[in-house]
N, C-alpha and C. Protein backbone atom coordinates (compact mmCIF):
# COMPACT_ATOMS: atom_id res chain seq x y z
N MET A 1 98.23 104.08 123.17
CA MET A 1 97.63 104.58 121.94
C MET A 1 98.69 104.90 120.90
N SER A 2 99.79 105.43 121.34
CA SER A 2 100.83 105.84 120.38
C SER A 2 101.35 104.63 119.60
N ASN A 3 101.44 103.49 120.27
CA ASN A 3 101.92 102.29 119.56
C ASN A 3 100.94 101.89 118.45
N ILE A 4 99.66 102.01 118.73
CA ILE A 4 98.65 101.67 117.71
C ILE A 4 98.80 102.60 116.50
N TRP A 5 99.03 103.88 116.76
CA TRP A 5 99.19 104.82 115.63
C TRP A 5 100.43 104.49 114.83
N LYS A 6 101.50 104.08 115.52
CA LYS A 6 102.72 103.71 114.78
C LYS A 6 102.43 102.52 113.88
N ILE A 7 101.69 101.55 114.39
CA ILE A 7 101.37 100.37 113.58
C ILE A 7 100.53 100.78 112.37
N ILE A 8 99.55 101.66 112.60
CA ILE A 8 98.70 102.11 111.50
C ILE A 8 99.54 102.81 110.43
N ILE A 9 100.43 103.67 110.87
CA ILE A 9 101.27 104.40 109.91
C ILE A 9 102.13 103.41 109.11
N VAL A 10 102.72 102.46 109.81
CA VAL A 10 103.61 101.51 109.13
C VAL A 10 102.81 100.65 108.14
N ASN A 11 101.60 100.27 108.52
CA ASN A 11 100.82 99.36 107.67
C ASN A 11 100.15 100.07 106.50
N ILE A 12 99.92 101.37 106.61
CA ILE A 12 99.18 102.08 105.56
C ILE A 12 100.11 102.97 104.73
N ILE A 13 100.90 103.78 105.39
CA ILE A 13 101.70 104.78 104.66
C ILE A 13 102.87 104.13 103.93
N ILE A 14 103.57 103.25 104.59
CA ILE A 14 104.77 102.65 103.96
C ILE A 14 104.40 101.88 102.70
N PRO A 15 103.37 101.04 102.71
CA PRO A 15 103.00 100.34 101.46
C PRO A 15 102.65 101.32 100.34
N ILE A 16 101.99 102.42 100.67
CA ILE A 16 101.64 103.41 99.64
C ILE A 16 102.92 104.01 99.05
N VAL A 17 103.87 104.33 99.90
CA VAL A 17 105.13 104.91 99.42
C VAL A 17 105.85 103.89 98.54
N ILE A 18 105.88 102.64 98.96
CA ILE A 18 106.56 101.60 98.18
C ILE A 18 105.90 101.47 96.81
N GLU A 19 104.56 101.49 96.77
CA GLU A 19 103.87 101.37 95.48
C GLU A 19 104.23 102.54 94.57
N GLU A 20 104.30 103.74 95.13
CA GLU A 20 104.64 104.91 94.31
C GLU A 20 106.05 104.76 93.75
N VAL A 21 106.97 104.27 94.58
CA VAL A 21 108.35 104.10 94.10
C VAL A 21 108.38 103.06 92.97
N ILE A 22 107.65 101.97 93.14
CA ILE A 22 107.63 100.92 92.11
C ILE A 22 107.05 101.49 90.81
N GLU A 23 105.98 102.28 90.92
CA GLU A 23 105.39 102.86 89.71
C GLU A 23 106.39 103.77 89.01
N LYS A 24 107.12 104.57 89.78
CA LYS A 24 108.11 105.46 89.18
C LYS A 24 109.19 104.65 88.48
N MET A 25 109.62 103.57 89.10
CA MET A 25 110.64 102.72 88.48
C MET A 25 110.10 102.17 87.15
N ARG A 26 108.86 101.71 87.15
CA ARG A 26 108.27 101.16 85.92
C ARG A 26 108.17 102.25 84.86
N ASP A 27 107.75 103.45 85.28
CA ASP A 27 107.63 104.56 84.33
C ASP A 27 108.99 104.85 83.70
N ARG A 28 110.05 104.83 84.50
CA ARG A 28 111.38 105.11 83.96
C ARG A 28 111.76 104.04 82.95
N GLU A 29 111.48 102.78 83.26
CA GLU A 29 111.81 101.71 82.33
C GLU A 29 111.03 101.89 81.03
N PHE A 30 109.76 102.25 81.15
CA PHE A 30 108.93 102.45 79.96
C PHE A 30 109.47 103.58 79.11
N ILE A 31 109.82 104.69 79.76
CA ILE A 31 110.36 105.84 79.03
C ILE A 31 111.66 105.44 78.32
N GLU A 32 112.52 104.70 79.00
CA GLU A 32 113.78 104.28 78.37
C GLU A 32 113.50 103.40 77.15
N LYS A 33 112.53 102.50 77.26
CA LYS A 33 112.21 101.63 76.13
C LYS A 33 111.70 102.46 74.96
N MET A 34 110.83 103.43 75.24
CA MET A 34 110.30 104.26 74.17
C MET A 34 111.43 105.05 73.51
N ARG A 35 112.34 105.57 74.30
CA ARG A 35 113.46 106.34 73.73
C ARG A 35 114.30 105.44 72.83
N ASN A 36 114.50 104.20 73.26
CA ASN A 36 115.31 103.28 72.46
C ASN A 36 114.62 102.99 71.12
N ARG A 37 113.30 102.90 71.12
CA ARG A 37 112.57 102.65 69.88
C ARG A 37 112.71 103.84 68.95
N ILE A 38 112.65 105.03 69.51
CA ILE A 38 112.75 106.24 68.67
C ILE A 38 114.22 106.39 68.24
């Protein structure tokens, strides 16, 4: 059972974390672009 839970965690939690990191990276790029315009 423990192996199944590890697989579930890897398949669900890690992708969510990666998406959050990507969104933060995009937000930083957007903020930098806005600052450059101002």
